[in-house]
Amino acid sequence: MTITESKKRFNDDGKFFFEKHKLFLYKEDFDKFEEGFREALEAISKLKESGEYPDLKSDSFNEKNEEIKTEKGGEGYTDVNFDDL
């Protein structure tokens, strides 16, 4: 299975392009992926119940996200070279 994230990005001249990141999930890893995904969903549910889950549309969330981008000097993402793993 391949999971693809596609983000619309803009060049300096204003033209856009799509940046793609792919995650390849092999058959022998399905069970482990499912387990991790279920754990993530449970954690999100608990955060929602406790009121700690951020409202992604709120101004305070967007302000915090901008602060993180500024502190990290970019978009808050790091490049991962899977050959190193």
PDB file of N, CA and C in Angstrom:
ATOM      1  N   MET A   1       0.855  -1.147   0.000  1.00  0.00           N
ATOM      2  CA  MET A   1       0.000   0.000   0.000  1.00  0.00           C
ATOM      3  C   MET A   1       0.911   1.222   0.000  1.00  0.00           C
ATOM      4  N   THR A   2       0.514   2.247  -0.718  1.00  0.00           N
ATOM      5  CA  THR A   2       1.261   3.502  -0.740  1.00  0.00           C
ATOM      6  C   THR A   2       0.355   4.610  -0.240  1.00  0.00           C
ATOM      7  N   ILE A   3       0.831   5.352   0.737  1.00  0.00           N
ATOM      8  CA  ILE A   3       0.122   6.519   1.259  1.00  0.00           C
ATOM      9  C   ILE A   3       0.895   7.734   0.769  1.00  0.00           C
ATOM     10  N   THR A   4       0.203   8.639   0.082  1.00  0.00           N
ATOM     11  CA  THR A   4       0.869   9.803  -0.499  1.00  0.00           C
ATOM     12  C   THR A   4       0.302  11.084   0.078  1.00  0.00           C
ATOM     13  N   GLU A   5       1.208  11.970   0.499  1.00  0.00           N
ATOM     14  CA  GLU A   5       0.848  13.315   0.938  1.00  0.00           C
ATOM     15  C   GLU A   5       1.263  14.251  -0.185  1.00  0.00           C
ATOM     16  N   SER A   6       0.373  15.125  -0.587  1.00  0.00           N
ATOM     17  CA  SER A   6       0.667  16.066  -1.649  1.00  0.00           C
ATOM     18  C   SER A   6       0.383  17.473  -1.133  1.00  0.00           C
ATOM     19  N   LYS A   7       1.389  18.344  -1.193  1.00  0.00           N
ATOM     20  CA  LYS A   7       1.243  19.718  -0.699  1.00  0.00           C
ATOM     21  C   LYS A   7       1.443  20.691  -1.848  1.00  0.00           C
ATOM     22  N   LYS A   8       0.576  21.669  -1.919  1.00  0.00           N
ATOM     23  CA  LYS A   8       0.705  22.699  -2.944  1.00  0.00           C
ATOM     24  C   LYS A   8       1.729  23.723  -2.452  1.00  0.00           C
ATOM     25  N   ARG A   9       2.759  23.958  -3.236  1.00  0.00           N
ATOM     26  CA  ARG A   9       3.826  24.905  -2.901  1.00  0.00           C
ATOM     27  C   ARG A   9       3.931  25.948  -4.008  1.00  0.00           C
ATOM     28  N   PHE A  10       4.552  27.069  -3.690  1.00  0.00           N
ATOM     29  CA  PHE A  10       4.697  28.147  -4.657  1.00  0.00           C
ATOM     30  C   PHE A  10       6.167  28.493  -4.864  1.00  0.00           C
ATOM     31  N   ASN A  11       6.540  28.699  -6.120  1.00  0.00           N
ATOM     32  CA  ASN A  11       7.880  29.173  -6.463  1.00  0.00           C
ATOM     33  C   ASN A  11       7.971  30.666  -6.176  1.00  0.00           C
ATOM     34  N   ASP A  12       9.159  31.221  -6.253  1.00  0.00           N
ATOM     35  CA  ASP A  12       9.359  32.650  -6.042  1.00  0.00           C
ATOM     36  C   ASP A  12       8.569  33.494  -7.044  1.00  0.00           C
ATOM     37  N   ASP A  13       8.348  32.951  -8.238  1.00  0.00           N
ATOM     38  CA  ASP A  13       7.620  33.684  -9.270  1.00  0.00           C
ATOM     39  C   ASP A  13       6.101  33.548  -9.134  1.00  0.00           C
ATOM     40  N   GLY A  14       5.631  32.845  -8.112  1.00  0.00           N
ATOM     41  CA  GLY A  14       4.202  32.718  -7.854  1.00  0.00           C
ATOM     42  C   GLY A  14       3.560  31.495  -8.465  1.00  0.00           C
ATOM     43  N   LYS A  15       4.270  30.786  -9.311  1.00  0.00           N
ATOM     44  CA  LYS A  15       3.714  29.572  -9.904  1.00  0.00           C
ATOM     45  C   LYS A  15       3.730  28.455  -8.867  1.00  0.00           C
ATOM     46  N   PHE A  16       2.721  27.600  -8.941  1.00  0.00           N
ATOM     47  CA  PHE A  16       2.638  26.528  -7.953  1.00  0.00           C
ATOM     48  C   PHE A  16       3.088  25.195  -8.523  1.00  0.00           C
ATOM     49  N   PHE A  17       3.435  24.310  -7.601  1.00  0.00           N
ATOM     50  CA  PHE A  17       3.777  22.931  -7.925  1.00  0.00           C
ATOM     51  C   PHE A  17       3.351  22.088  -6.740  1.00  0.00           C
ATOM     52  N   PHE A  18       3.319  20.792  -6.929  1.00  0.00           N
ATOM     53  CA  PHE A  18       2.933  19.902  -5.843  1.00  0.00           C
ATOM     54  C   PHE A  18       4.147  19.126  -5.360  1.00  0.00           C
ATOM     55  N   GLU A  19       4.375  19.199  -4.049  1.00  0.00           N
ATOM     56  CA  GLU A  19       5.453  18.455  -3.417  1.00  0.00           C
ATOM     57  C   GLU A  19       4.828  17.180  -2.852  1.00  0.00           C
ATOM     58  N   LYS A  20       5.369  16.034  -3.236  1.00  0.00           N
ATOM     59  CA  LYS A  20       4.784  14.767  -2.800  1.00  0.00           C
ATOM     60  C   LYS A  20       5.742  13.998  -1.893  1.00  0.00           C
ATOM     61  N   HIS A  21       5.152  13.381  -0.880  1.00  0.00           N
ATOM     62  CA  HIS A  21       5.882  12.496   0.019  1.00  0.00           C
ATOM     63  C   HIS A  21       5.122  11.179   0.050  1.00  0.00           C
ATOM     64  N   LYS A  22       5.826  10.092  -0.088  1.00  0.00           N
ATOM     65  CA  LYS A  22       5.173   8.785  -0.118  1.00  0.00           C
ATOM     66  C   LYS A  22       5.658   7.905   1.023  1.00  0.00           C
ATOM     67  N   LEU A  23       4.721   7.160   1.565  1.00  0.00           N
ATOM     68  CA  LEU A  23       4.996   6.178   2.598  1.00  0.00           C
ATOM     69  C   LEU A  23       4.605   4.827   2.017  1.00  0.00           C
ATOM     70  N   PHE A  24       5.556   3.927   1.937  1.00  0.00           N
ATOM     71  CA  PHE A  24       5.292   2.592   1.408  1.00  0.00           C
ATOM     72  C   PHE A  24       5.064   1.644   2.570  1.00  0.00           C
ATOM     73  N   LEU A  25       3.923   0.998   2.571  1.00  0.00           N
ATOM     74  CA  LEU A  25       3.576   0.066   3.633  1.00  0.00           C
ATOM     75  C   LEU A  25       3.487  -1.332   3.028  1.00  0.00           C
ATOM     76  N   TYR A  26       4.365  -2.195   3.471  1.00  0.00           N
ATOM     77  CA  TYR A  26       4.430  -3.545   2.933  1.00  0.00           C
ATOM     78  C   TYR A  26       3.517  -4.490   3.706  1.00  0.00           C
ATOM     79  N   LYS A  27       3.076  -5.526   3.037  1.00  0.00           N
ATOM     80  CA  LYS A  27       2.119  -6.481   3.585  1.00  0.00           C
ATOM     81  C   LYS A  27       2.536  -7.012   4.958  1.00  0.00           C
ATOM     82  N   GLU A  28       3.814  -7.303   5.107  1.00  0.00           N
ATOM     83  CA  GLU A  28       4.277  -7.864   6.386  1.00  0.00           C
ATOM     84  C   GLU A  28       4.239  -6.856   7.541  1.00  0.00           C
ATOM     85  N   ASP A  29       4.018  -5.578   7.215  1.00  0.00           N
ATOM     86  CA  ASP A  29       3.966  -4.540   8.248  1.00  0.00           C
ATOM     87  C   ASP A  29       2.556  -4.054   8.546  1.00  0.00           C
ATOM     88  N   PHE A  30       1.537  -4.615   7.887  1.00  0.00           N
ATOM     89  CA  PHE A  30       0.158  -4.155   8.070  1.00  0.00           C
ATOM     90  C   PHE A  30      -0.288  -4.230   9.525  1.00  0.00           C
ATOM     91  N   ASP A  31      -0.015  -5.352  10.193  1.00  0.00           N
ATOM     92  CA  ASP A  31      -0.465  -5.522  11.579  1.00  0.00           C
ATOM     93  C   ASP A  31       0.170  -4.480  12.503  1.00  0.00           C
ATOM     94  N   LYS A  32       1.456  -4.257  12.334  1.00  0.00           N
ATOM     95  CA  LYS A  32       2.155  -3.278  13.168  1.00  0.00           C
ATOM     96  C   LYS A  32       1.633  -1.858  12.898  1.00  0.00           C
ATOM     97  N   PHE A  33       1.374  -1.555  11.621  1.00  0.00           N
ATOM     98  CA  PHE A  33       0.836  -0.245  11.259  1.00  0.00           C
ATOM     99  C   PHE A  33      -0.547  -0.058  11.866  1.00  0.00           C
ATOM    100  N   GLU A  34      -1.393  -1.098  11.757  1.00  0.00           N
ATOM    101  CA  GLU A  34      -2.746  -1.022  12.302  1.00  0.00           C
ATOM    102  C   GLU A  34      -2.702  -0.775  13.816  1.00  0.00           C
ATOM    103  N   GLU A  35      -1.821  -1.471  14.497  1.00  0.00           N
ATOM    104  CA  GLU A  35      -1.694  -1.310  15.952  1.00  0.00           C
ATOM    105  C   GLU A  35      -1.294   0.135  16.304  1.00  0.00           C
ATOM    106  N   GLY A  36      -0.307   0.647  15.601  1.00  0.00           N
ATOM    107  CA  GLY A  36       0.136   2.019  15.860  1.00  0.00           C
ATOM    108  C   GLY A  36      -0.927   3.044  15.520  1.00  0.00           C
ATOM    109  N   PHE A  37      -1.656   2.806  14.439  1.00  0.00           N
ATOM    110  CA  PHE A  37      -2.717   3.726  14.032  1.00  0.00           C
ATOM    111  C   PHE A  37      -3.837   3.745  15.066  1.00  0.00           C
ATOM    112  N   ARG A  38      -4.219   2.560  15.555  1.00  0.00           N
ATOM    113  CA  ARG A  38      -5.258   2.486  16.593  1.00  0.00           C
ATOM    114  C   ARG A  38      -4.812   3.205  17.876  1.00  0.00           C
ATOM    115  N   GLU A  39      -3.541   3.036  18.251  1.00  0.00           N
ATOM    116  CA  GLU A  39      -3.021   3.731  19.437  1.00  0.00           C
ATOM    117  C   GLU A  39      -3.092   5.247  19.246  1.00  0.00           C
ATOM    118  N   ALA A  40      -2.771   5.702  18.049  1.00  0.00           N
ATOM    119  CA  ALA A  40      -2.828   7.137  17.764  1.00  0.00           C
ATOM    120  C   ALA A  40      -4.266   7.647  17.860  1.00  0.00           C
ATOM    121  N   LEU A  41      -5.209   6.897  17.306  1.00  0.00           N
ATOM    122  CA  LEU A  41      -6.617   7.298  17.376  1.00  0.00           C
ATOM    123  C   LEU A  41      -7.115   7.340  18.820  1.00  0.00           C
ATOM    124  N   GLU A  42      -6.710   6.362  19.619  1.00  0.00           N
ATOM    125  CA  GLU A  42      -7.098   6.346  21.035  1.00  0.00           C
ATOM    126  C   GLU A  42      -6.530   7.563  21.767  1.00  0.00           C
ATOM    127  N   ALA A  43      -5.281   7.901  21.489  1.00  0.00           N
ATOM    128  CA  ALA A  43      -4.656   9.064  22.129  1.00  0.00           C
ATOM    129  C   ALA A  43      -5.388  10.345  21.736  1.00  0.00           C
ATOM    130  N   ILE A  44      -5.780  10.458  20.469  1.00  0.00           N
ATOM    131  CA  ILE A  44      -6.522  11.641  20.024  1.00  0.00           C
ATOM    132  C   ILE A  44      -7.871  11.704  20.723  1.00  0.00           C
ATOM    133  N   SER A  45      -8.550  10.580  20.850  1.00  0.00           N
ATOM    134  CA  SER A  45      -9.843  10.546  21.540  1.00  0.00           C
ATOM    135  C   SER A  45      -9.711  11.002  22.984  1.00  0.00           C
ATOM    136  N   LYS A  46      -8.675  10.525  23.661  1.00  0.00           N
ATOM    137  CA  LYS A  46      -8.452  10.925  25.054  1.00  0.00           C
ATOM    138  C   LYS A  46      -8.179  12.425  25.154  1.00  0.00           C
ATOM    139  N   LEU A  47      -7.394  12.967  24.229  1.00  0.00           N
ATOM    140  CA  LEU A  47      -7.111  14.398  24.238  1.00  0.00           C
ATOM    141  C   LEU A  47      -8.377  15.214  23.992  1.00  0.00           C
ATOM    142  N   LYS A  48      -9.229  14.731  23.087  1.00  0.00           N
ATOM    143  CA  LYS A  48     -10.495  15.427  22.826  1.00  0.00           C
ATOM    144  C   LYS A  48     -11.368  15.424  24.070  1.00  0.00           C
ATOM    145  N   GLU A  49     -11.463  14.265  24.731  1.00  0.00           N
ATOM    146  CA  GLU A  49     -12.282  14.155  25.934  1.00  0.00           C
ATOM    147  C   GLU A  49     -11.785  15.066  27.044  1.00  0.00           C
ATOM    148  N   SER A  50     -10.473  15.220  27.145  1.00  0.00           N
ATOM    149  CA  SER A  50      -9.902  16.044  28.210  1.00  0.00           C
ATOM    150  C   SER A  50      -9.898  17.526  27.857  1.00  0.00           C
ATOM    151  N   GLY A  51     -10.222  17.842  26.607  1.00  0.00           N
ATOM    152  CA  GLY A  51     -10.225  19.246  26.183  1.00  0.00           C
ATOM    153  C   GLY A  51      -8.858  19.745  25.769  1.00  0.00           C
ATOM    154  N   GLU A  52      -7.863  18.875  25.717  1.00  0.00           N
ATOM    155  CA  GLU A  52      -6.501  19.273  25.363  1.00  0.00           C
ATOM    156  C   GLU A  52      -6.231  19.218  23.860  1.00  0.00           C
ATOM    157  N   TYR A  53      -7.151  18.645  23.092  1.00  0.00           N
ATOM    158  CA  TYR A  53      -6.949  18.520  21.654  1.00  0.00           C
ATOM    159  C   TYR A  53      -7.161  19.897  21.023  1.00  0.00           C
ATOM    160  N   PRO A  54      -6.199  20.391  20.235  1.00  0.00           N
ATOM    161  CA  PRO A  54      -6.333  21.750  19.695  1.00  0.00           C
ATOM    162  C   PRO A  54      -7.413  21.845  18.621  1.00  0.00           C
ATOM    163  N   ASP A  55      -8.099  22.966  18.631  1.00  0.00           N
ATOM    164  CA  ASP A  55      -9.053  23.260  17.563  1.00  0.00           C
ATOM    165  C   ASP A  55      -8.229  23.800  16.403  1.00  0.00           C
ATOM    166  N   LEU A  56      -8.087  23.015  15.361  1.00  0.00           N
ATOM    167  CA  LEU A  56      -7.188  23.358  14.261  1.00  0.00           C
ATOM    168  C   LEU A  56      -7.618  24.617  13.513  1.00  0.00           C
ATOM    169  N   LYS A  57      -8.859  25.036  13.690  1.00  0.00           N
ATOM    170  CA  LYS A  57      -9.343  26.240  13.013  1.00  0.00           C
ATOM    171  C   LYS A  57      -9.219  27.482  13.893  1.00  0.00           C
ATOM    172  N   SER A  58      -8.843  27.306  15.147  1.00  0.00           N
ATOM    173  CA  SER A  58      -8.811  28.442  16.069  1.00  0.00           C
ATOM    174  C   SER A  58      -7.623  29.355  15.811  1.00  0.00           C
ATOM    175  N   ASP A  59      -7.787  30.623  16.153  1.00  0.00           N
ATOM    176  CA  ASP A  59      -6.704  31.593  15.993  1.00  0.00           C
ATOM    177  C   ASP A  59      -5.521  31.243  16.889  1.00  0.00           C
ATOM    178  N   SER A  60      -5.793  30.741  18.106  1.00  0.00           N
ATOM    179  CA  SER A  60      -4.689  30.429  19.017  1.00  0.00           C
ATOM    180  C   SER A  60      -3.840  29.288  18.473  1.00  0.00           C
ATOM    181  N   PHE A  61      -4.458  28.296  17.826  1.00  0.00           N
ATOM    182  CA  PHE A  61      -3.685  27.206  17.236  1.00  0.00           C
ATOM    183  C   PHE A  61      -2.807  27.748  16.114  1.00  0.00           C
ATOM    184  N   ASN A  62      -3.379  28.580  15.255  1.00  0.00           N
ATOM    185  CA  ASN A  62      -2.611  29.131  14.138  1.00  0.00           C
ATOM    186  C   ASN A  62      -1.466  30.012  14.627  1.00  0.00           C
ATOM    187  N   GLU A  63      -1.685  30.766  15.701  1.00  0.00           N
ATOM    188  CA  GLU A  63      -0.615  31.599  16.271  1.00  0.00           C
ATOM    189  C   GLU A  63       0.506  30.722  16.809  1.00  0.00           C
ATOM    190  N   LYS A  64       0.169  29.649  17.525  1.00  0.00           N
ATOM    191  CA  LYS A  64       1.182  28.736  18.056  1.00  0.00           C
ATOM    192  C   LYS A  64       1.964  28.089  16.920  1.00  0.00           C
ATOM    193  N   ASN A  65       1.280  27.679  15.869  1.00  0.00           N
ATOM    194  CA  ASN A  65       1.921  27.045  14.727  1.00  0.00           C
ATOM    195  C   ASN A  65       2.896  28.022  14.064  1.00  0.00           C
ATOM    196  N   GLU A  66       2.514  29.279  13.937  1.00  0.00           N
ATOM    197  CA  GLU A  66       3.406  30.283  13.346  1.00  0.00           C
ATOM    198  C   GLU A  66       4.630  30.500  14.226  1.00  0.00           C
ATOM    199  N   GLU A  67       4.440  30.469  15.566  1.00  0.00           N
ATOM    200  CA  GLU A  67       5.572  30.611  16.485  1.00  0.00           C
ATOM    201  C   GLU A  67       6.560  29.469  16.297  1.00  0.00           C
ATOM    202  N   ILE A  68       6.056  28.254  16.154  1.00  0.00           N
ATOM    203  CA  ILE A  68       6.916  27.082  15.961  1.00  0.00           C
ATOM    204  C   ILE A  68       7.688  27.218  14.662  1.00  0.00           C
ATOM    205  N   LYS A  69       7.008  27.626  13.593  1.00  0.00           N
ATOM    206  CA  LYS A  69       7.679  27.803  12.301  1.00  0.00           C
ATOM    207  C   LYS A  69       8.804  28.821  12.418  1.00  0.00           C
ATOM    208  N   THR A  70       8.530  29.925  13.112  1.00  0.00           N
ATOM    209  CA  THR A  70       9.520  30.981  13.262  1.00  0.00           C
ATOM    210  C   THR A  70      10.709  30.495  14.080  1.00  0.00           C
ATOM    211  N   GLU A  71      10.438  29.786  15.185  1.00  0.00           N
ATOM    212  CA  GLU A  71      11.509  29.280  16.039  1.00  0.00           C
ATOM    213  C   GLU A  71      12.397  28.290  15.298  1.00  0.00           C
ATOM    214  N   LYS A  72      11.796  27.463  14.457  1.00  0.00           N
ATOM    215  CA  LYS A  72      12.561  26.442  13.753  1.00  0.00           C
ATOM    216  C   LYS A  72      13.136  26.961  12.436  1.00  0.00           C
ATOM    217  N   GLY A  73      12.797  28.192  12.087  1.00  0.00           N
ATOM    218  CA  GLY A  73      13.345  28.766  10.871  1.00  0.00           C
ATOM    219  C   GLY A  73      12.753  28.177   9.612  1.00  0.00           C
ATOM    220  N   GLY A  74      11.503  27.807   9.648  1.00  0.00           N
ATOM    221  CA  GLY A  74      10.881  27.244   8.452  1.00  0.00           C
ATOM    222  C   GLY A  74       9.502  26.739   8.753  1.00  0.00           C
ATOM    223  N   GLU A  75       9.163  25.640   8.153  1.00  0.00           N
ATOM    224  CA  GLU A  75       7.825  25.103   8.273  1.00  0.00           C
ATOM    225  C   GLU A  75       7.687  24.093   9.388  1.00  0.00           C
ATOM    226  N   GLY A  76       8.739  23.870  10.153  1.00  0.00           N
ATOM    227  CA  GLY A  76       8.635  22.936  11.256  1.00  0.00           C
ATOM    228  C   GLY A  76       8.810  21.482  10.853  1.00  0.00           C
ATOM    229  N   TYR A  77       9.282  21.242   9.628  1.00  0.00           N
ATOM    230  CA  TYR A  77       9.486  19.884   9.156  1.00  0.00           C
ATOM    231  C   TYR A  77      10.976  19.616   8.999  1.00  0.00           C
ATOM    232  N   THR A  78      11.333  18.377   9.084  1.00  0.00           N
ATOM    233  CA  THR A  78      12.722  18.002   8.859  1.00  0.00           C
ATOM    234  C   THR A  78      12.792  16.998   7.726  1.00  0.00           C
ATOM    235  N   ASP A  79      13.887  17.009   7.012  1.00  0.00           N
ATOM    236  CA  ASP A  79      14.076  16.025   5.955  1.00  0.00           C
ATOM    237  C   ASP A  79      14.536  14.723   6.578  1.00  0.00           C
ATOM    238  N   VAL A  80      13.955  13.644   6.130  1.00  0.00           N
ATOM    239  CA  VAL A  80      14.335  12.320   6.618  1.00  0.00           C
ATOM    240  C   VAL A  80      14.888  11.525   5.440  1.00  0.00           C
ATOM    241  N   ASN A  81      16.069  10.984   5.610  1.00  0.00           N
ATOM    242  CA  ASN A  81      16.654  10.129   4.593  1.00  0.00           C
ATOM    243  C   ASN A  81      16.435   8.701   5.044  1.00  0.00           C
ATOM    244  N   PHE A  82      15.544   7.992   4.374  1.00  0.00           N
ATOM    245  CA  PHE A  82      15.197   6.655   4.810  1.00  0.00           C
ATOM    246  C   PHE A  82      16.327   5.653   4.607  1.00  0.00           C
ATOM    247  N   ASP A  83      17.326   6.019   3.810  1.00  0.00           N
ATOM    248  CA  ASP A  83      18.478   5.147   3.649  1.00  0.00           C
ATOM    249  C   ASP A  83      19.270   5.064   4.951  1.00  0.00           C
ATOM    250  N   ASP A  84      19.145   6.104   5.805  1.00  0.00           N
ATOM    251  CA  ASP A  84      19.873   6.139   7.068  1.00  0.00           C
ATOM    252  C   ASP A  84      19.217   5.288   8.151  1.00  0.00           C
ATOM    253  N   LEU A  85      17.953   4.913   7.935  1.00  0.00           N
ATOM    254  CA  LEU A  85      17.220   4.188   8.984  1.00  0.00           C
ATOM    255  C   LEU A  85      17.558   2.741   9.038  1.00  0.00           C
TER     256      LEU A  85
END
